[in-house]
């Protein structure tokens, strides 16, 4: 069977998710999901689907780790030093994100709550808009993707204080993970996986899961992903289901803390 890829933009992924939820089970449709899949149920007052009732996880594929980066004007060299500065100036440290309700925004809200610091959120449309403001110290820090920020950090434009993971990255062996040097251990990444409508038979989902996991373990595929700072994260349906529930709970907490809404 030859897969057909169809892009369905709109509604912060709600349009595509609704369409796949209602799709017939044959041929088996798959939905490529990311953080918004677990954010939207708490961000919206209502949705035309339920992510746990109407879908079944097939496989988690990969993740792009996030890093905590500060403006070159901030003298901190560690997370502990950064938090000491921020706690001394409540609300004066601004953080950039690509928008309200994004994973970057919500995970930074969790970082703030768990660290006892008070920051001010400044949403932007994307990297091209917020990065010049980070350089100019109009915003003081960002939790963003390593793919965007490793180059500027290596060029000395900005400083990476920590990776928002439970372990250091092979590409940044000298950069500690959050939690190593005084900050809260908040995990943040942009992840990607696949779900199928609940109507797709379990045996079909099992075959799709096995094929995906096999492809994510091919050495050449692993090497190519890692070269792009994308970490293969192969997990089967059951493990992916547990991951989705954990992400949903974390984002629900962050949305409650921040008061973020899009309706």
C-alpha atoms as a PDB file:
ATOM      1  CA  UNK A   1       0.000   0.000   0.000  1.00  0.00           C
ATOM      2  CA  UNK A   2       1.387   3.381  -1.035  1.00  0.00           C
ATOM      3  CA  UNK A   3       0.764   6.112   1.543  1.00  0.00           C
ATOM      4  CA  UNK A   4      -0.817   9.382   0.428  1.00  0.00           C
ATOM      5  CA  UNK A   5       0.151  12.502   2.364  1.00  0.00           C
ATOM      6  CA  UNK A   6      -2.474  15.233   2.597  1.00  0.00           C
ATOM      7  CA  UNK A   7      -1.935  18.547   4.387  1.00  0.00           C
ATOM      8  CA  UNK A   8      -4.986  19.991   6.130  1.00  0.00           C
ATOM      9  CA  UNK A   9      -4.075  23.313   7.760  1.00  0.00           C
ATOM     10  CA  UNK A  10      -6.416  25.342   9.895  1.00  0.00           C
ATOM     11  CA  UNK A  11      -7.650  25.856  13.415  1.00  0.00           C
ATOM     12  CA  UNK A  12      -4.366  25.040  15.091  1.00  0.00           C
ATOM     13  CA  UNK A  13      -4.595  21.429  13.793  1.00  0.00           C
ATOM     14  CA  UNK A  14      -8.274  21.099  14.819  1.00  0.00           C
ATOM     15  CA  UNK A  15      -9.493  20.915  11.202  1.00  0.00           C
ATOM     16  CA  UNK A  16      -7.261  17.972  10.261  1.00  0.00           C
ATOM     17  CA  UNK A  17      -7.868  16.173  13.551  1.00  0.00           C
ATOM     18  CA  UNK A  18     -11.638  16.390  13.155  1.00  0.00           C
ATOM     19  CA  UNK A  19     -11.463  15.089   9.586  1.00  0.00           C
ATOM     20  CA  UNK A  20      -9.370  12.057  10.515  1.00  0.00           C
ATOM     21  CA  UNK A  21     -11.578  11.301  13.519  1.00  0.00           C
ATOM     22  CA  UNK A  22     -14.528  10.965  11.133  1.00  0.00           C
ATOM     23  CA  UNK A  23     -12.669   9.164   8.333  1.00  0.00           C
ATOM     24  CA  UNK A  24     -13.622   5.606   7.328  1.00  0.00           C
ATOM     25  CA  UNK A  25     -11.379   2.852   8.658  1.00  0.00           C
ATOM     26  CA  UNK A  26     -10.479   1.529   5.194  1.00  0.00           C
ATOM     27  CA  UNK A  27      -7.932   2.319   3.917  1.00  0.00           C
ATOM     28  CA  UNK A  28      -6.553   3.022   7.407  1.00  0.00           C
ATOM     29  CA  UNK A  29      -6.061   6.772   7.889  1.00  0.00           C
ATOM     30  CA  UNK A  30      -3.262   8.042  10.106  1.00  0.00           C
ATOM     31  CA  UNK A  31      -2.901  11.446  11.694  1.00  0.00           C
ATOM     32  CA  UNK A  32       0.551  12.846  12.371  1.00  0.00           C
ATOM     33  CA  UNK A  33       0.234  14.628  15.693  1.00  0.00           C
ATOM     34  CA  UNK A  34       2.415  16.899  17.765  1.00  0.00           C
ATOM     35  CA  UNK A  35       2.137  18.830  21.020  1.00  0.00           C
ATOM     36  CA  UNK A  36      -1.038  20.631  19.934  1.00  0.00           C
ATOM     37  CA  UNK A  37      -2.905  17.307  19.975  1.00  0.00           C
ATOM     38  CA  UNK A  38      -2.621  17.254  23.777  1.00  0.00           C
ATOM     39  CA  UNK A  39      -2.792  21.040  24.239  1.00  0.00           C
ATOM     40  CA  UNK A  40      -6.014  21.772  22.351  1.00  0.00           C
ATOM     41  CA  UNK A  41      -8.415  19.903  24.682  1.00  0.00           C
ATOM     42  CA  UNK A  42      -7.520  22.315  27.511  1.00  0.00           C
ATOM     43  CA  UNK A  43      -6.926  25.392  25.351  1.00  0.00           C
ATOM     44  CA  UNK A  44     -10.360  25.329  23.667  1.00  0.00           C
ATOM     45  CA  UNK A  45     -13.713  25.524  25.439  1.00  0.00           C
ATOM     46  CA  UNK A  46     -14.930  22.642  23.253  1.00  0.00           C
ATOM     47  CA  UNK A  47     -13.701  20.445  20.414  1.00  0.00           C
ATOM     48  CA  UNK A  48     -15.582  18.332  17.843  1.00  0.00           C
ATOM     49  CA  UNK A  49     -13.649  15.219  18.965  1.00  0.00           C
ATOM     50  CA  UNK A  50     -12.141  13.602  22.046  1.00  0.00           C
ATOM     51  CA  UNK A  51      -8.480  12.659  21.683  1.00  0.00           C
ATOM     52  CA  UNK A  52      -8.773   9.663  23.998  1.00  0.00           C
ATOM     53  CA  UNK A  53     -12.174   8.368  22.860  1.00  0.00           C
ATOM     54  CA  UNK A  54     -11.879   8.931  19.104  1.00  0.00           C
ATOM     55  CA  UNK A  55      -8.243   7.971  18.515  1.00  0.00           C
ATOM     56  CA  UNK A  56      -5.827   5.168  19.299  1.00  0.00           C
ATOM     57  CA  UNK A  57      -2.050   5.818  19.508  1.00  0.00           C
ATOM     58  CA  UNK A  58       0.068   3.975  16.949  1.00  0.00           C
ATOM     59  CA  UNK A  59       3.625   5.186  17.584  1.00  0.00           C
ATOM     60  CA  UNK A  60       5.692   8.069  18.852  1.00  0.00           C
ATOM     61  CA  UNK A  61       8.351   8.855  16.254  1.00  0.00           C
ATOM     62  CA  UNK A  62      10.739  11.642  17.198  1.00  0.00           C
ATOM     63  CA  UNK A  63      11.274  14.785  19.230  1.00  0.00           C
ATOM     64  CA  UNK A  64      13.172  18.043  18.843  1.00  0.00           C
ATOM     65  CA  UNK A  65      14.538  18.991  22.273  1.00  0.00           C
ATOM     66  CA  UNK A  66      14.071  22.503  23.614  1.00  0.00           C
ATOM     67  CA  UNK A  67      16.831  24.569  25.186  1.00  0.00           C
ATOM     68  CA  UNK A  68      16.812  27.479  27.624  1.00  0.00           C
ATOM     69  CA  UNK A  69      18.626  30.375  25.954  1.00  0.00           C
ATOM     70  CA  UNK A  70      19.346  33.853  27.309  1.00  0.00           C
ATOM     71  CA  UNK A  71      20.075  37.172  25.683  1.00  0.00           C
ATOM     72  CA  UNK A  72      23.786  38.059  25.469  1.00  0.00           C
ATOM     73  CA  UNK A  73      23.050  40.974  27.830  1.00  0.00           C
ATOM     74  CA  UNK A  74      22.124  38.588  30.659  1.00  0.00           C
ATOM     75  CA  UNK A  75      25.282  37.811  32.668  1.00  0.00           C
ATOM     76  CA  UNK A  76      24.085  34.452  34.017  1.00  0.00           C
ATOM     77  CA  UNK A  77      26.157  31.396  33.132  1.00  0.00           C
ATOM     78  CA  UNK A  78      23.946  28.837  34.870  1.00  0.00           C
ATOM     79  CA  UNK A  79      20.232  28.335  35.434  1.00  0.00           C
ATOM     80  CA  UNK A  80      20.720  28.977  39.143  1.00  0.00           C
ATOM     81  CA  UNK A  81      22.353  32.347  38.414  1.00  0.00           C
ATOM     82  CA  UNK A  82      19.618  33.198  35.907  1.00  0.00           C
ATOM     83  CA  UNK A  83      16.857  32.416  38.391  1.00  0.00           C
ATOM     84  CA  UNK A  84      18.556  34.465  41.103  1.00  0.00           C
ATOM     85  CA  UNK A  85      18.542  37.469  38.772  1.00  0.00           C
ATOM     86  CA  UNK A  86      14.922  36.889  37.744  1.00  0.00           C
ATOM     87  CA  UNK A  87      13.643  36.435  41.309  1.00  0.00           C
ATOM     88  CA  UNK A  88      15.248  39.745  42.257  1.00  0.00           C
ATOM     89  CA  UNK A  89      13.276  41.506  39.478  1.00  0.00           C
ATOM     90  CA  UNK A  90       9.785  39.885  39.405  1.00  0.00           C
ATOM     91  CA  UNK A  91       8.018  40.336  36.087  1.00  0.00           C
ATOM     92  CA  UNK A  92      10.887  42.258  34.512  1.00  0.00           C
ATOM     93  CA  UNK A  93      12.331  39.305  32.628  1.00  0.00           C
ATOM     94  CA  UNK A  94      10.388  38.761  29.401  1.00  0.00           C
ATOM     95  CA  UNK A  95      10.274  35.507  27.455  1.00  0.00           C
ATOM     96  CA  UNK A  96       9.484  35.048  23.778  1.00  0.00           C
ATOM     97  CA  UNK A  97       7.344  32.318  22.254  1.00  0.00           C
ATOM     98  CA  UNK A  98       5.836  31.605  18.816  1.00  0.00           C
ATOM     99  CA  UNK A  99       2.359  32.238  20.250  1.00  0.00           C
ATOM    100  CA  UNK A 100      -0.157  31.814  23.044  1.00  0.00           C
ATOM    101  CA  UNK A 101      -0.851  28.176  23.868  1.00  0.00           C
ATOM    102  CA  UNK A 102       2.208  26.769  22.089  1.00  0.00           C
ATOM    103  CA  UNK A 103       4.317  24.151  23.817  1.00  0.00           C
ATOM    104  CA  UNK A 104       7.087  26.748  24.232  1.00  0.00           C
ATOM    105  CA  UNK A 105       4.681  29.070  26.038  1.00  0.00           C
ATOM    106  CA  UNK A 106       3.124  26.449  28.286  1.00  0.00           C
ATOM    107  CA  UNK A 107       6.357  24.720  29.248  1.00  0.00           C
ATOM    108  CA  UNK A 108       7.883  28.087  30.134  1.00  0.00           C
ATOM    109  CA  UNK A 109       4.863  28.741  32.365  1.00  0.00           C
ATOM    110  CA  UNK A 110       5.561  25.430  34.110  1.00  0.00           C
ATOM    111  CA  UNK A 111       9.234  26.358  34.429  1.00  0.00           C
ATOM    112  CA  UNK A 112       8.246  29.686  36.018  1.00  0.00           C
ATOM    113  CA  UNK A 113       5.798  28.122  38.463  1.00  0.00           C
ATOM    114  CA  UNK A 114       8.169  25.364  39.545  1.00  0.00           C
ATOM    115  CA  UNK A 115      11.129  27.704  39.899  1.00  0.00           C
ATOM    116  CA  UNK A 116       9.269  30.343  41.908  1.00  0.00           C
ATOM    117  CA  UNK A 117      10.109  33.096  39.400  1.00  0.00           C
ATOM    118  CA  UNK A 118       7.742  35.561  37.739  1.00  0.00           C
ATOM    119  CA  UNK A 119       8.210  36.231  34.023  1.00  0.00           C
ATOM    120  CA  UNK A 120       6.283  38.240  31.414  1.00  0.00           C
ATOM    121  CA  UNK A 121       5.152  36.461  28.241  1.00  0.00           C
ATOM    122  CA  UNK A 122       5.674  38.141  24.855  1.00  0.00           C
ATOM    123  CA  UNK A 123       4.106  36.133  21.996  1.00  0.00           C
ATOM    124  CA  UNK A 124       5.508  36.478  18.476  1.00  0.00           C
ATOM    125  CA  UNK A 125       4.643  34.967  15.105  1.00  0.00           C
ATOM    126  CA  UNK A 126       7.903  33.027  14.884  1.00  0.00           C
ATOM    127  CA  UNK A 127      11.696  32.886  15.101  1.00  0.00           C
ATOM    128  CA  UNK A 128      12.279  35.674  12.554  1.00  0.00           C
ATOM    129  CA  UNK A 129      10.330  38.076  14.744  1.00  0.00           C
ATOM    130  CA  UNK A 130      11.546  37.157  18.239  1.00  0.00           C
ATOM    131  CA  UNK A 131      15.214  36.375  17.616  1.00  0.00           C
ATOM    132  CA  UNK A 132      16.252  40.009  16.880  1.00  0.00           C
ATOM    133  CA  UNK A 133      14.493  41.066  20.086  1.00  0.00           C
ATOM    134  CA  UNK A 134      16.395  38.411  22.032  1.00  0.00           C
ATOM    135  CA  UNK A 135      19.681  39.734  20.645  1.00  0.00           C
ATOM    136  CA  UNK A 136      18.653  43.290  21.555  1.00  0.00           C
ATOM    137  CA  UNK A 137      17.559  42.213  25.081  1.00  0.00           C
ATOM    138  CA  UNK A 138      13.978  43.364  24.509  1.00  0.00           C
ATOM    139  CA  UNK A 139      13.182  39.826  25.646  1.00  0.00           C
ATOM    140  CA  UNK A 140      15.601  38.195  28.050  1.00  0.00           C
ATOM    141  CA  UNK A 141      15.167  34.485  27.360  1.00  0.00           C
ATOM    142  CA  UNK A 142      13.394  31.795  25.400  1.00  0.00           C
ATOM    143  CA  UNK A 143      12.755  28.078  25.673  1.00  0.00           C
ATOM    144  CA  UNK A 144      12.975  27.097  22.023  1.00  0.00           C
ATOM    145  CA  UNK A 145      14.021  24.284  19.720  1.00  0.00           C
ATOM    146  CA  UNK A 146      17.643  23.230  19.583  1.00  0.00           C
ATOM    147  CA  UNK A 147      17.378  23.173  15.779  1.00  0.00           C
ATOM    148  CA  UNK A 148      16.797  26.943  15.743  1.00  0.00           C
ATOM    149  CA  UNK A 149      19.211  27.912  18.487  1.00  0.00           C
ATOM    150  CA  UNK A 150      22.276  25.670  18.342  1.00  0.00           C
ATOM    151  CA  UNK A 151      23.746  27.610  15.399  1.00  0.00           C
ATOM    152  CA  UNK A 152      23.411  31.082  16.970  1.00  0.00           C
ATOM    153  CA  UNK A 153      24.770  29.682  20.247  1.00  0.00           C
ATOM    154  CA  UNK A 154      27.826  28.193  18.534  1.00  0.00           C
ATOM    155  CA  UNK A 155      28.361  31.550  16.807  1.00  0.00           C
ATOM    156  CA  UNK A 156      28.350  33.281  20.195  1.00  0.00           C
ATOM    157  CA  UNK A 157      25.181  35.298  19.558  1.00  0.00           C
ATOM    158  CA  UNK A 158      23.239  33.778  22.467  1.00  0.00           C
ATOM    159  CA  UNK A 159      23.970  31.502  25.412  1.00  0.00           C
ATOM    160  CA  UNK A 160      22.382  28.105  26.044  1.00  0.00           C
ATOM    161  CA  UNK A 161      22.083  27.564  29.800  1.00  0.00           C
ATOM    162  CA  UNK A 162      20.360  24.170  29.780  1.00  0.00           C
ATOM    163  CA  UNK A 163      18.575  21.581  27.691  1.00  0.00           C
ATOM    164  CA  UNK A 164      14.975  20.988  28.739  1.00  0.00           C
ATOM    165  CA  UNK A 165      15.406  17.222  28.934  1.00  0.00           C
ATOM    166  CA  UNK A 166      16.186  14.619  31.575  1.00  0.00           C
ATOM    167  CA  UNK A 167      19.672  14.091  30.122  1.00  0.00           C
ATOM    168  CA  UNK A 168      22.306  16.019  28.202  1.00  0.00           C
ATOM    169  CA  UNK A 169      22.296  16.010  24.403  1.00  0.00           C
ATOM    170  CA  UNK A 170      25.113  14.344  22.423  1.00  0.00           C
ATOM    171  CA  UNK A 171      25.433  17.534  20.349  1.00  0.00           C
ATOM    172  CA  UNK A 172      25.754  19.692  23.504  1.00  0.00           C
ATOM    173  CA  UNK A 173      27.677  17.519  25.969  1.00  0.00           C
ATOM    174  CA  UNK A 174      28.833  20.466  28.093  1.00  0.00           C
ATOM    175  CA  UNK A 175      25.332  21.916  28.535  1.00  0.00           C
ATOM    176  CA  UNK A 176      23.484  20.581  31.601  1.00  0.00           C
ATOM    177  CA  UNK A 177      19.941  19.286  31.609  1.00  0.00           C
ATOM    178  CA  UNK A 178      17.372  21.361  33.474  1.00  0.00           C
ATOM    179  CA  UNK A 179      17.477  20.290  37.093  1.00  0.00           C
ATOM    180  CA  UNK A 180      21.224  19.668  37.167  1.00  0.00           C
ATOM    181  CA  UNK A 181      22.256  23.090  38.450  1.00  0.00           C
ATOM    182  CA  UNK A 182      19.456  24.551  40.532  1.00  0.00           C
ATOM    183  CA  UNK A 183      16.496  24.836  38.185  1.00  0.00           C
ATOM    184  CA  UNK A 184      13.337  22.702  38.060  1.00  0.00           C
ATOM    185  CA  UNK A 185      13.484  19.549  35.929  1.00  0.00           C
ATOM    186  CA  UNK A 186      10.958  20.590  33.276  1.00  0.00           C
ATOM    187  CA  UNK A 187      11.021  18.507  30.086  1.00  0.00           C
ATOM    188  CA  UNK A 188      10.141  20.358  26.893  1.00  0.00           C
ATOM    189  CA  UNK A 189      10.339  19.297  23.263  1.00  0.00           C
ATOM    190  CA  UNK A 190       8.492  19.434  19.978  1.00  0.00           C
ATOM    191  CA  UNK A 191       7.447  15.831  19.437  1.00  0.00           C
ATOM    192  CA  UNK A 192       5.795  13.953  16.578  1.00  0.00           C
ATOM    193  CA  UNK A 193       3.800  10.747  16.483  1.00  0.00           C
ATOM    194  CA  UNK A 194       0.957   8.953  14.740  1.00  0.00           C
ATOM    195  CA  UNK A 195      -2.568   8.085  15.826  1.00  0.00           C
ATOM    196  CA  UNK A 196      -5.406   6.322  14.053  1.00  0.00           C
ATOM    197  CA  UNK A 197      -9.158   6.651  14.423  1.00  0.00           C
ATOM    198  CA  UNK A 198     -10.630   4.302  17.020  1.00  0.00           C
ATOM    199  CA  UNK A 199     -12.502   2.560  14.210  1.00  0.00           C
ATOM    200  CA  UNK A 200      -9.292   1.124  12.723  1.00  0.00           C
ATOM    201  CA  UNK A 201      -8.980  -2.532  13.824  1.00  0.00           C
ATOM    202  CA  UNK A 202      -6.369  -3.361  16.450  1.00  0.00           C
ATOM    203  CA  UNK A 203      -4.618  -5.836  14.136  1.00  0.00           C
ATOM    204  CA  UNK A 204      -4.169  -3.107  11.518  1.00  0.00           C
ATOM    205  CA  UNK A 205      -2.814  -0.696  14.109  1.00  0.00           C
ATOM    206  CA  UNK A 206      -0.364  -3.357  15.297  1.00  0.00           C
ATOM    207  CA  UNK A 207       1.003  -3.814  11.769  1.00  0.00           C
ATOM    208  CA  UNK A 208       1.379  -0.049  11.319  1.00  0.00           C
ATOM    209  CA  UNK A 209       3.102   0.246  14.696  1.00  0.00           C
ATOM    210  CA  UNK A 210       5.608  -2.500  13.844  1.00  0.00           C
ATOM    211  CA  UNK A 211       6.420  -0.939  10.461  1.00  0.00           C
ATOM    212  CA  UNK A 212       6.964   2.504  11.986  1.00  0.00           C
ATOM    213  CA  UNK A 213       9.145   1.279  14.808  1.00  0.00           C
ATOM    214  CA  UNK A 214      11.257  -0.753  12.394  1.00  0.00           C
ATOM    215  CA  UNK A 215      11.791   2.297  10.164  1.00  0.00           C
ATOM    216  CA  UNK A 216      12.849   4.439  13.134  1.00  0.00           C
ATOM    217  CA  UNK A 217      15.600   1.976  14.028  1.00  0.00           C
ATOM    218  CA  UNK A 218      17.300   1.939  10.625  1.00  0.00           C
ATOM    219  CA  UNK A 219      20.852   3.241  11.293  1.00  0.00           C
ATOM    220  CA  UNK A 220      20.879   5.585   8.300  1.00  0.00           C
ATOM    221  CA  UNK A 221      17.532   7.086   9.300  1.00  0.00           C
ATOM    222  CA  UNK A 222      18.743   7.574  12.886  1.00  0.00           C
ATOM    223  CA  UNK A 223      21.917   9.260  11.664  1.00  0.00           C
ATOM    224  CA  UNK A 224      20.050  11.630   9.332  1.00  0.00           C
ATOM    225  CA  UNK A 225      17.604  12.653  12.044  1.00  0.00           C
ATOM    226  CA  UNK A 226      20.349  13.259  14.591  1.00  0.00           C
ATOM    227  CA  UNK A 227      22.262  15.407  12.094  1.00  0.00           C
ATOM    228  CA  UNK A 228      19.205  17.693  12.072  1.00  0.00           C
ATOM    229  CA  UNK A 229      19.066  17.709  15.908  1.00  0.00           C
ATOM    230  CA  UNK A 230      15.937  15.523  15.788  1.00  0.00           C
ATOM    231  CA  UNK A 231      16.032  12.710  18.318  1.00  0.00           C
ATOM    232  CA  UNK A 232      14.423   9.390  17.295  1.00  0.00           C
ATOM    233  CA  UNK A 233      12.001   8.409  20.063  1.00  0.00           C
ATOM    234  CA  UNK A 234      10.366   5.158  18.941  1.00  0.00           C
ATOM    235  CA  UNK A 235       7.592   4.068  21.291  1.00  0.00           C
ATOM    236  CA  UNK A 236       4.760   1.699  20.515  1.00  0.00           C
ATOM    237  CA  UNK A 237       1.082   2.360  20.973  1.00  0.00           C
ATOM    238  CA  UNK A 238       0.831   1.532  24.681  1.00  0.00           C
ATOM    239  CA  UNK A 239       3.869   3.621  25.650  1.00  0.00           C
ATOM    240  CA  UNK A 240       2.714   6.443  23.390  1.00  0.00           C
ATOM    241  CA  UNK A 241      -0.721   6.355  25.046  1.00  0.00           C
ATOM    242  CA  UNK A 242       0.865   6.839  28.474  1.00  0.00           C
ATOM    243  CA  UNK A 243       3.007   9.669  27.088  1.00  0.00           C
ATOM    244  CA  UNK A 244      -0.065  11.419  25.644  1.00  0.00           C
ATOM    245  CA  UNK A 245      -1.901  11.291  28.977  1.00  0.00           C
ATOM    246  CA  UNK A 246       1.128  12.705  30.790  1.00  0.00           C
ATOM    247  CA  UNK A 247       1.492  15.510  28.248  1.00  0.00           C
ATOM    248  CA  UNK A 248      -2.231  16.277  28.447  1.00  0.00           C
ATOM    249  CA  UNK A 249      -2.046  16.572  32.244  1.00  0.00           C
ATOM    250  CA  UNK A 250       1.049  18.796  32.138  1.00  0.00           C
ATOM    251  CA  UNK A 251      -0.460  21.136  29.561  1.00  0.00           C
ATOM    252  CA  UNK A 252      -3.754  21.300  31.442  1.00  0.00           C
ATOM    253  CA  UNK A 253      -1.792  22.477  34.500  1.00  0.00           C
ATOM    254  CA  UNK A 254       0.119  25.057  32.443  1.00  0.00           C
ATOM    255  CA  UNK A 255      -3.057  26.401  30.844  1.00  0.00           C
ATOM    256  CA  UNK A 256      -4.685  26.699  34.258  1.00  0.00           C
ATOM    257  CA  UNK A 257      -1.640  28.593  35.552  1.00  0.00           C
ATOM    258  CA  UNK A 258      -1.386  30.929  32.564  1.00  0.00           C
ATOM    259  CA  UNK A 259      -5.090  31.403  31.824  1.00  0.00           C
ATOM    260  CA  UNK A 260      -4.364  30.842  28.131  1.00  0.00           C
ATOM    261  CA  UNK A 261      -7.417  30.588  25.849  1.00  0.00           C
ATOM    262  CA  UNK A 262      -7.985  30.890  22.117  1.00  0.00           C
ATOM    263  CA  UNK A 263     -11.797  30.859  22.007  1.00  0.00           C
END
